[in-house]
C-alpha atoms as a PDB file:
ATOM      1  CA  MET A   1      19.563   2.815  -7.418  1.00  0.00           C
ATOM      2  CA  ASN A   2      18.397  -0.630  -6.564  1.00  0.00           C
ATOM      3  CA  ILE A   3      15.569  -1.885  -8.767  1.00  0.00           C
ATOM      4  CA  VAL A   4      13.442  -4.933  -7.928  1.00  0.00           C
ATOM      5  CA  ILE A   5      11.445  -6.266 -10.893  1.00  0.00           C
ATOM      6  CA  THR A   6       8.968  -9.169 -10.571  1.00  0.00           C
ATOM      7  CA  GLY A   7       8.032 -11.179 -13.634  1.00  0.00           C
ATOM      8  CA  GLY A   8      11.469 -10.130 -14.826  1.00  0.00           C
ATOM      9  CA  SER A   9      12.639 -13.036 -16.979  1.00  0.00           C
ATOM     10  CA  LYS A  10      10.909 -12.041 -20.218  1.00  0.00           C
ATOM     11  CA  GLY A  11       8.583  -9.568 -21.891  1.00  0.00           C
ATOM     12  CA  MET A  12       7.982  -6.252 -20.230  1.00  0.00           C
ATOM     13  CA  GLY A  13       9.889  -7.164 -17.104  1.00  0.00           C
ATOM     14  CA  LYS A  14      13.014  -8.031 -19.056  1.00  0.00           C
ATOM     15  CA  ALA A  15      12.725  -4.810 -21.118  1.00  0.00           C
ATOM     16  CA  ILE A  16      12.375  -2.701 -17.924  1.00  0.00           C
ATOM     17  CA  ALA A  17      15.422  -4.437 -16.456  1.00  0.00           C
ATOM     18  CA  MET A  18      17.459  -3.687 -19.606  1.00  0.00           C
ATOM     19  CA  ARG A  19      16.543  -0.035 -19.507  1.00  0.00           C
ATOM     20  CA  PHE A  20      17.537   0.441 -15.883  1.00  0.00           C
ATOM     21  CA  ALA A  21      20.709  -1.615 -16.402  1.00  0.00           C
ATOM     22  CA  ALA A  22      21.620   0.707 -19.331  1.00  0.00           C
ATOM     23  CA  ALA A  23      21.751   3.536 -16.752  1.00  0.00           C
ATOM     24  CA  ASN A  24      24.028   1.395 -14.580  1.00  0.00           C
ATOM     25  CA  HIS A  25      21.484   0.779 -11.850  1.00  0.00           C
ATOM     26  CA  HIS A  26      21.482  -2.427  -9.767  1.00  0.00           C
ATOM     27  CA  ILE A  27      18.804  -4.977 -10.719  1.00  0.00           C
ATOM     28  CA  LEU A  28      17.180  -7.811  -8.757  1.00  0.00           C
ATOM     29  CA  LEU A  29      15.021 -10.006 -11.008  1.00  0.00           C
ATOM     30  CA  ASN A  30      12.303 -12.285  -9.839  1.00  0.00           C
ATOM     31  CA  ALA A  31      10.297 -14.914 -11.674  1.00  0.00           C
ATOM     32  CA  ARG A  32       9.197 -18.485 -11.063  1.00  0.00           C
ATOM     33  CA  THR A  33      11.807 -20.288 -13.207  1.00  0.00           C
ATOM     34  CA  GLU A  34      15.433 -20.065 -12.140  1.00  0.00           C
ATOM     35  CA  SER A  35      16.860 -21.184 -15.491  1.00  0.00           C
ATOM     36  CA  ALA A  36      14.968 -18.352 -17.337  1.00  0.00           C
ATOM     37  CA  LEU A  37      16.104 -15.814 -14.723  1.00  0.00           C
ATOM     38  CA  ARG A  38      19.751 -16.980 -15.070  1.00  0.00           C
ATOM     39  CA  GLU A  39      19.627 -16.686 -18.871  1.00  0.00           C
ATOM     40  CA  THR A  40      18.106 -13.201 -18.708  1.00  0.00           C
ATOM     41  CA  ALA A  41      20.616 -12.004 -16.031  1.00  0.00           C
ATOM     42  CA  LEU A  42      23.500 -13.180 -18.197  1.00  0.00           C
ATOM     43  CA  GLU A  43      22.106 -11.379 -21.229  1.00  0.00           C
ATOM     44  CA  ILE A  44      21.724  -8.147 -19.275  1.00  0.00           C
ATOM     45  CA  ARG A  45      25.200  -8.399 -17.761  1.00  0.00           C
ATOM     46  CA  HIS A  46      26.654  -8.947 -21.241  1.00  0.00           C
ATOM     47  CA  ALA A  47      24.823  -5.932 -22.638  1.00  0.00           C
ATOM     48  CA  HIS A  48      25.493  -3.687 -19.692  1.00  0.00           C
ATOM     49  CA  PRO A  49      28.613  -4.916 -17.798  1.00  0.00           C
ATOM     50  CA  ASP A  50      28.697  -1.930 -15.501  1.00  0.00           C
ATOM     51  CA  SER A  51      25.353  -2.824 -13.905  1.00  0.00           C
ATOM     52  CA  THR A  52      24.805  -5.480 -11.175  1.00  0.00           C
ATOM     53  CA  VAL A  53      22.154  -8.113 -11.842  1.00  0.00           C
ATOM     54  CA  GLN A  54      20.941 -10.561  -9.218  1.00  0.00           C
ATOM     55  CA  PHE A  55      18.001 -12.896  -9.432  1.00  0.00           C
ATOM     56  CA  CYS A  56      15.736 -14.823  -7.052  1.00  0.00           C
ATOM     57  CA  ALA A  57      13.375 -17.493  -8.201  1.00  0.00           C
ATOM     58  CA  ALA A  58      10.083 -17.564  -6.350  1.00  0.00           C
ATOM     59  CA  ASP A  59       6.401 -17.939  -7.090  1.00  0.00           C
ATOM     60  CA  LEU A  60       4.821 -14.757  -5.806  1.00  0.00           C
ATOM     61  CA  SER A  61       1.298 -16.077  -6.130  1.00  0.00           C
ATOM     62  CA  THR A  62       1.999 -17.795  -2.810  1.00  0.00           C
ATOM     63  CA  ARG A  63       2.813 -16.262   0.549  1.00  0.00           C
ATOM     64  CA  GLU A  64       5.742 -18.660   0.787  1.00  0.00           C
ATOM     65  CA  GLY A  65       7.148 -17.367  -2.563  1.00  0.00           C
ATOM     66  CA  VAL A  66       6.841 -13.763  -1.360  1.00  0.00           C
ATOM     67  CA  ALA A  67       8.679 -14.719   1.812  1.00  0.00           C
ATOM     68  CA  ILE A  68      11.530 -16.181  -0.170  1.00  0.00           C
ATOM     69  CA  LEU A  69      12.019 -12.990  -2.171  1.00  0.00           C
ATOM     70  CA  VAL A  70      11.684 -10.746   0.893  1.00  0.00           C
ATOM     71  CA  HIS A  71      14.263 -12.907   2.740  1.00  0.00           C
ATOM     72  CA  HIS A  72      16.651 -12.598  -0.184  1.00  0.00           C
ATOM     73  CA  ILE A  73      16.302  -8.789  -0.246  1.00  0.00           C
ATOM     74  CA  ARG A  74      16.814  -8.503   3.514  1.00  0.00           C
ATOM     75  CA  SER A  75      19.740 -10.956   3.521  1.00  0.00           C
ATOM     76  CA  GLN A  76      21.491  -8.704   0.977  1.00  0.00           C
ATOM     77  CA  SER A  77      20.681  -5.564   3.065  1.00  0.00           C
ATOM     78  CA  LEU A  78      19.232  -4.241  -0.166  1.00  0.00           C
ATOM     79  CA  LYS A  79      17.634  -0.816   0.083  1.00  0.00           C
ATOM     80  CA  VAL A  80      14.910  -0.918  -2.522  1.00  0.00           C
ATOM     81  CA  ASP A  81      14.568   2.346  -4.483  1.00  0.00           C
ATOM     82  CA  VAL A  82      12.215   1.183  -7.236  1.00  0.00           C
ATOM     83  CA  LEU A  83       9.800  -1.753  -7.079  1.00  0.00           C
ATOM     84  CA  VAL A  84       8.162  -2.870 -10.295  1.00  0.00           C
ATOM     85  CA  ASN A  85       5.223  -5.226  -9.579  1.00  0.00           C
ATOM     86  CA  ASN A  86       5.072  -6.959 -12.978  1.00  0.00           C
ATOM     87  CA  ALA A  87       4.305 -10.570 -12.064  1.00  0.00           C
ATOM     88  CA  GLY A  88       1.169 -11.614 -13.822  1.00  0.00           C
ATOM     89  CA  ILE A  89      -0.736 -14.199 -15.757  1.00  0.00           C
ATOM     90  CA  PHE A  90      -3.466 -14.173 -18.391  1.00  0.00           C
ATOM     91  CA  LEU A  91      -6.011 -16.966 -18.823  1.00  0.00           C
ATOM     92  CA  PRO A  92      -8.767 -16.211 -21.327  1.00  0.00           C
ATOM     93  CA  GLY A  93     -12.417 -16.877 -20.498  1.00  0.00           C
ATOM     94  CA  SER A  94     -15.692 -15.395 -19.402  1.00  0.00           C
ATOM     95  CA  VAL A  95     -17.237 -15.268 -15.944  1.00  0.00           C
ATOM     96  CA  HIS A  96     -19.989 -17.659 -16.918  1.00  0.00           C
ATOM     97  CA  ASN A  97     -17.842 -20.348 -18.432  1.00  0.00           C
ATOM     98  CA  GLU A  98     -14.217 -20.076 -17.323  1.00  0.00           C
ATOM     99  CA  PRO A  99     -12.864 -23.077 -15.342  1.00  0.00           C
ATOM    100  CA  GLU A 100     -13.463 -23.205 -11.574  1.00  0.00           C
ATOM    101  CA  GLY A 101     -10.527 -21.564  -9.788  1.00  0.00           C
ATOM    102  CA  THR A 102      -9.597 -19.168 -12.613  1.00  0.00           C
ATOM    103  CA  LEU A 103     -10.421 -16.088 -10.620  1.00  0.00           C
ATOM    104  CA  ASP A 104      -8.467 -17.434  -7.597  1.00  0.00           C
ATOM    105  CA  THR A 105      -5.412 -17.982  -9.821  1.00  0.00           C
ATOM    106  CA  MET A 106      -5.702 -14.497 -11.331  1.00  0.00           C
ATOM    107  CA  ILE A 107      -6.182 -12.691  -8.014  1.00  0.00           C
ATOM    108  CA  GLN A 108      -3.280 -14.606  -6.329  1.00  0.00           C
ATOM    109  CA  THR A 109      -0.839 -13.864  -9.210  1.00  0.00           C
ATOM    110  CA  ASN A 110      -1.943 -10.501 -10.466  1.00  0.00           C
ATOM    111  CA  LEU A 111      -3.027  -8.825  -7.184  1.00  0.00           C
ATOM    112  CA  TYR A 112      -1.808 -10.628  -4.082  1.00  0.00           C
ATOM    113  CA  SER A 113       1.808 -10.828  -5.376  1.00  0.00           C
ATOM    114  CA  ALA A 114       1.923  -7.040  -5.575  1.00  0.00           C
ATOM    115  CA  TYR A 115      -0.008  -6.514  -2.360  1.00  0.00           C
ATOM    116  CA  HIS A 116       2.050  -8.771  -0.132  1.00  0.00           C
ATOM    117  CA  LEU A 117       5.439  -7.942  -1.574  1.00  0.00           C
ATOM    118  CA  THR A 118       4.719  -4.196  -1.341  1.00  0.00           C
ATOM    119  CA  ARG A 119       3.535  -4.451   2.243  1.00  0.00           C
ATOM    120  CA  ALA A 120       6.729  -6.269   3.134  1.00  0.00           C
ATOM    121  CA  LEU A 121       9.005  -3.647   1.555  1.00  0.00           C
ATOM    122  CA  LEU A 122       7.086  -0.524   2.642  1.00  0.00           C
ATOM    123  CA  PRO A 123       8.450  -0.220   6.189  1.00  0.00           C
ATOM    124  CA  GLN A 124      11.982   0.248   4.826  1.00  0.00           C
ATOM    125  CA  MET A 125      10.824   2.756   2.200  1.00  0.00           C
ATOM    126  CA  MET A 126       8.827   4.675   4.823  1.00  0.00           C
ATOM    127  CA  LYS A 127      11.800   4.700   7.165  1.00  0.00           C
ATOM    128  CA  HIS A 128      13.968   6.305   4.444  1.00  0.00           C
ATOM    129  CA  ARG A 129      11.125   8.412   3.099  1.00  0.00           C
ATOM    130  CA  GLN A 130      12.102   7.328  -0.373  1.00  0.00           C
ATOM    131  CA  GLY A 131      10.950   4.883  -3.046  1.00  0.00           C
ATOM    132  CA  HIS A 132       8.909   4.456  -6.196  1.00  0.00           C
ATOM    133  CA  ILE A 133       6.399   1.634  -6.751  1.00  0.00           C
ATOM    134  CA  PHE A 134       5.210   0.770 -10.232  1.00  0.00           C
ATOM    135  CA  ASN A 135       2.150  -1.538 -10.512  1.00  0.00           C
ATOM    136  CA  MET A 136       1.660  -3.087 -14.005  1.00  0.00           C
ATOM    137  CA  CYS A 137      -2.073  -2.822 -14.578  1.00  0.00           C
ATOM    138  CA  SER A 138      -3.688  -2.995 -17.996  1.00  0.00           C
ATOM    139  CA  ILE A 139      -6.163  -1.283 -20.219  1.00  0.00           C
ATOM    140  CA  ALA A 140      -8.322  -4.164 -19.005  1.00  0.00           C
ATOM    141  CA  SER A 141      -8.389  -2.207 -15.705  1.00  0.00           C
ATOM    142  CA  PHE A 142     -10.650   0.371 -17.400  1.00  0.00           C
ATOM    143  CA  GLN A 143     -13.316  -1.625 -19.133  1.00  0.00           C
ATOM    144  CA  ALA A 144     -14.420  -5.213 -19.749  1.00  0.00           C
ATOM    145  CA  TYR A 145     -13.700  -6.849 -23.114  1.00  0.00           C
ATOM    146  CA  PRO A 146     -14.583 -10.186 -24.749  1.00  0.00           C
ATOM    147  CA  ASN A 147     -12.864 -13.147 -23.200  1.00  0.00           C
ATOM    148  CA  GLY A 148     -11.396 -10.976 -20.350  1.00  0.00           C
ATOM    149  CA  GLY A 149     -13.241 -12.535 -17.495  1.00  0.00           C
ATOM    150  CA  ALA A 150     -11.206 -13.026 -14.292  1.00  0.00           C
ATOM    151  CA  TYR A 151      -8.170 -11.381 -15.870  1.00  0.00           C
ATOM    152  CA  SER A 152      -9.972  -8.042 -16.195  1.00  0.00           C
ATOM    153  CA  ILE A 153     -11.383  -8.393 -12.654  1.00  0.00           C
ATOM    154  CA  SER A 154      -7.917  -8.874 -11.287  1.00  0.00           C
ATOM    155  CA  LYS A 155      -6.590  -5.905 -13.149  1.00  0.00           C
ATOM    156  CA  PHE A 156      -9.404  -3.718 -11.924  1.00  0.00           C
ATOM    157  CA  ALA A 157      -8.428  -4.751  -8.424  1.00  0.00           C
ATOM    158  CA  LEU A 158      -4.705  -3.939  -9.012  1.00  0.00           C
ATOM    159  CA  SER A 159      -5.707  -0.480 -10.199  1.00  0.00           C
ATOM    160  CA  GLY A 160      -7.748   0.045  -7.088  1.00  0.00           C
ATOM    161  CA  PHE A 161      -4.843  -1.116  -4.965  1.00  0.00           C
ATOM    162  CA  SER A 162      -2.579   1.415  -6.797  1.00  0.00           C
ATOM    163  CA  LYS A 163      -4.983   4.301  -6.190  1.00  0.00           C
ATOM    164  CA  ASN A 164      -5.304   3.531  -2.472  1.00  0.00           C
ATOM    165  CA  LEU A 165      -1.504   3.034  -2.062  1.00  0.00           C
ATOM    166  CA  ARG A 166      -0.824   6.344  -3.816  1.00  0.00           C
ATOM    167  CA  GLU A 167      -3.003   8.244  -1.318  1.00  0.00           C
ATOM    168  CA  GLU A 168      -1.573   6.431   1.666  1.00  0.00           C
ATOM    169  CA  MET A 169       2.079   7.005   0.673  1.00  0.00           C
ATOM    170  CA  LYS A 170       1.890  10.752  -0.097  1.00  0.00           C
ATOM    171  CA  PRO A 171       2.811  11.771   3.401  1.00  0.00           C
ATOM    172  CA  HIS A 172       5.781   9.329   3.321  1.00  0.00           C
ATOM    173  CA  ASN A 173       7.299  10.786   0.178  1.00  0.00           C
ATOM    174  CA  ILE A 174       6.873   7.448  -1.681  1.00  0.00           C
ATOM    175  CA  LYS A 175       5.668   7.565  -5.261  1.00  0.00           C
ATOM    176  CA  VAL A 176       3.132   5.150  -6.715  1.00  0.00           C
ATOM    177  CA  THR A 177       2.576   4.820 -10.482  1.00  0.00           C
ATOM    178  CA  ALA A 178      -0.051   2.647 -12.097  1.00  0.00           C
ATOM    179  CA  VAL A 179       0.927   1.509 -15.604  1.00  0.00           C
ATOM    180  CA  TYR A 180      -1.840   0.692 -18.127  1.00  0.00           C
ATOM    181  CA  PRO A 181      -0.463  -0.861 -21.281  1.00  0.00           C
ATOM    182  CA  GLY A 182      -2.479  -1.989 -24.227  1.00  0.00           C
ATOM    183  CA  ALA A 183      -1.446  -5.028 -26.257  1.00  0.00           C
ATOM    184  CA  VAL A 184       2.373  -5.427 -25.925  1.00  0.00           C
ATOM    185  CA  TYR A 185       4.287  -7.662 -28.277  1.00  0.00           C
ATOM    186  CA  THR A 186       5.257 -10.484 -25.903  1.00  0.00           C
ATOM    187  CA  ASP A 187       4.987 -14.320 -25.870  1.00  0.00           C
ATOM    188  CA  SER A 188       1.340 -14.122 -24.792  1.00  0.00           C
ATOM    189  CA  TRP A 189       0.452 -12.772 -28.330  1.00  0.00           C
ATOM    190  CA  SER A 190       2.499 -15.325 -30.250  1.00  0.00           C
ATOM    191  CA  GLY A 191       0.379 -17.076 -32.821  1.00  0.00           C
ATOM    192  CA  SER A 192      -2.142 -14.265 -33.049  1.00  0.00           C
ATOM    193  CA  GLY A 193      -1.383 -13.817 -36.778  1.00  0.00           C
ATOM    194  CA  LEU A 194      -1.211 -10.038 -36.320  1.00  0.00           C
ATOM    195  CA  PRO A 195       1.907  -8.173 -37.480  1.00  0.00           C
ATOM    196  CA  GLU A 196       4.412  -6.985 -34.840  1.00  0.00           C
ATOM    197  CA  SER A 197       3.748  -3.369 -35.986  1.00  0.00           C
ATOM    198  CA  ARG A 198       0.214  -3.709 -34.598  1.00  0.00           C
ATOM    199  CA  PHE A 199       1.558  -3.908 -30.999  1.00  0.00           C
ATOM    200  CA  ILE A 200       3.310  -1.781 -28.507  1.00  0.00           C
ATOM    201  CA  ARG A 201       7.011  -2.623 -28.104  1.00  0.00           C
ATOM    202  CA  ALA A 202       8.000  -3.761 -24.596  1.00  0.00           C
ATOM    203  CA  GLU A 203      10.879  -1.318 -24.840  1.00  0.00           C
ATOM    204  CA  ASP A 204       8.466   1.618 -25.176  1.00  0.00           C
ATOM    205  CA  VAL A 205       6.816   0.670 -21.893  1.00  0.00           C
ATOM    206  CA  ALA A 206      10.189   0.362 -20.284  1.00  0.00           C
ATOM    207  CA  GLU A 207      11.207   3.813 -21.498  1.00  0.00           C
ATOM    208  CA  LEU A 208       8.162   5.405 -19.990  1.00  0.00           C
ATOM    209  CA  ILE A 209       8.734   3.707 -16.603  1.00  0.00           C
ATOM    210  CA  PHE A 210      12.382   4.703 -16.573  1.00  0.00           C
ATOM    211  CA  ALA A 211      11.428   8.334 -17.438  1.00  0.00           C
ATOM    212  CA  ALA A 212       8.830   8.430 -14.625  1.00  0.00           C
ATOM    213  CA  SER A 213      11.451   7.175 -12.188  1.00  0.00           C
ATOM    214  CA  GLN A 214      13.730  10.104 -13.040  1.00  0.00           C
ATOM    215  CA  LEU A 215      11.391  12.940 -12.129  1.00  0.00           C
ATOM    216  CA  SER A 216      12.308  15.242  -9.314  1.00  0.00           C
ATOM    217  CA  PRO A 217      11.128  14.373  -5.768  1.00  0.00           C
ATOM    218  CA  SER A 218       8.378  16.958  -6.057  1.00  0.00           C
ATOM    219  CA  ALA A 219       6.659  15.288  -9.030  1.00  0.00           C
ATOM    220  CA  CYS A 220       4.889  11.960  -9.384  1.00  0.00           C
ATOM    221  CA  MET A 221       3.542  10.472 -12.553  1.00  0.00           C
ATOM    222  CA  GLU A 222       0.452   8.779 -11.176  1.00  0.00           C
ATOM    223  CA  GLU A 223      -0.676   6.910 -14.311  1.00  0.00           C
ATOM    224  CA  ILE A 224       0.968   5.807 -17.540  1.00  0.00           C
ATOM    225  CA  ILE A 225      -1.456   4.839 -20.346  1.00  0.00           C
ATOM    226  CA  ILE A 226      -0.034   3.484 -23.592  1.00  0.00           C
ATOM    227  CA  ARG A 227      -1.923   1.964 -26.505  1.00  0.00           C
ATOM    228  CA  PRO A 228      -1.030   0.698 -29.944  1.00  0.00           C
ATOM    229  CA  GLN A 229      -1.044   3.563 -32.409  1.00  0.00           C
ATOM    230  CA  GLU A 230      -3.944   1.907 -34.387  1.00  0.00           C
ATOM    231  CA  GLY A 231      -5.959   1.358 -31.248  1.00  0.00           C
ATOM    232  CA  ASP A 232      -6.726  -1.498 -28.895  1.00  0.00           C
ATOM    233  CA  ILE A 233      -6.624  -5.084 -30.112  1.00  0.00           C
END
């Protein structure tokens, strides 16, 4: 299978790429920084030499960035079997005091990237009546929390996008899964002072996504919710 993973140079995106590569699938990584993508691609190739790993640097918060990635996919005549919309950003703050433009940044990165890329790739999936789309939401999609602000708003919106897309794609045999992780041990939590054991491992999220992708054509895991064993942080 051909797997496209946005936000794929580190964290959950990298872990997801590693898991699919371990099963010898072909990976296309996207993130904004080419040097980070190249380093991750080399690491995956070294760990799983039987897999194929490509990368395409583009900022998906812009329509131009989406166009760059879509052009790369089409120029490779790549039939996308699994799309993982993982590109995202977190900026702490509250609605009443976060800097002007915070919501715009969050919506462009956390929602529009998934919306526009998915729309561009859907015609091919619909033609082949095959494909699986994973949207990386958050437990912040369920309820507000302190200092969540625009981030939580954007994740609520991504969850709504996932629910609508799931209904629309049922007749076309395309699966849609919304993933709702709690706090995952990634760079965004560095310096928190909390022990690593208090967080979800990125590899656990990757394992669940991989398992959902392996179900028979007659089954779709609509939602994946995973939290730290001791509860939300």
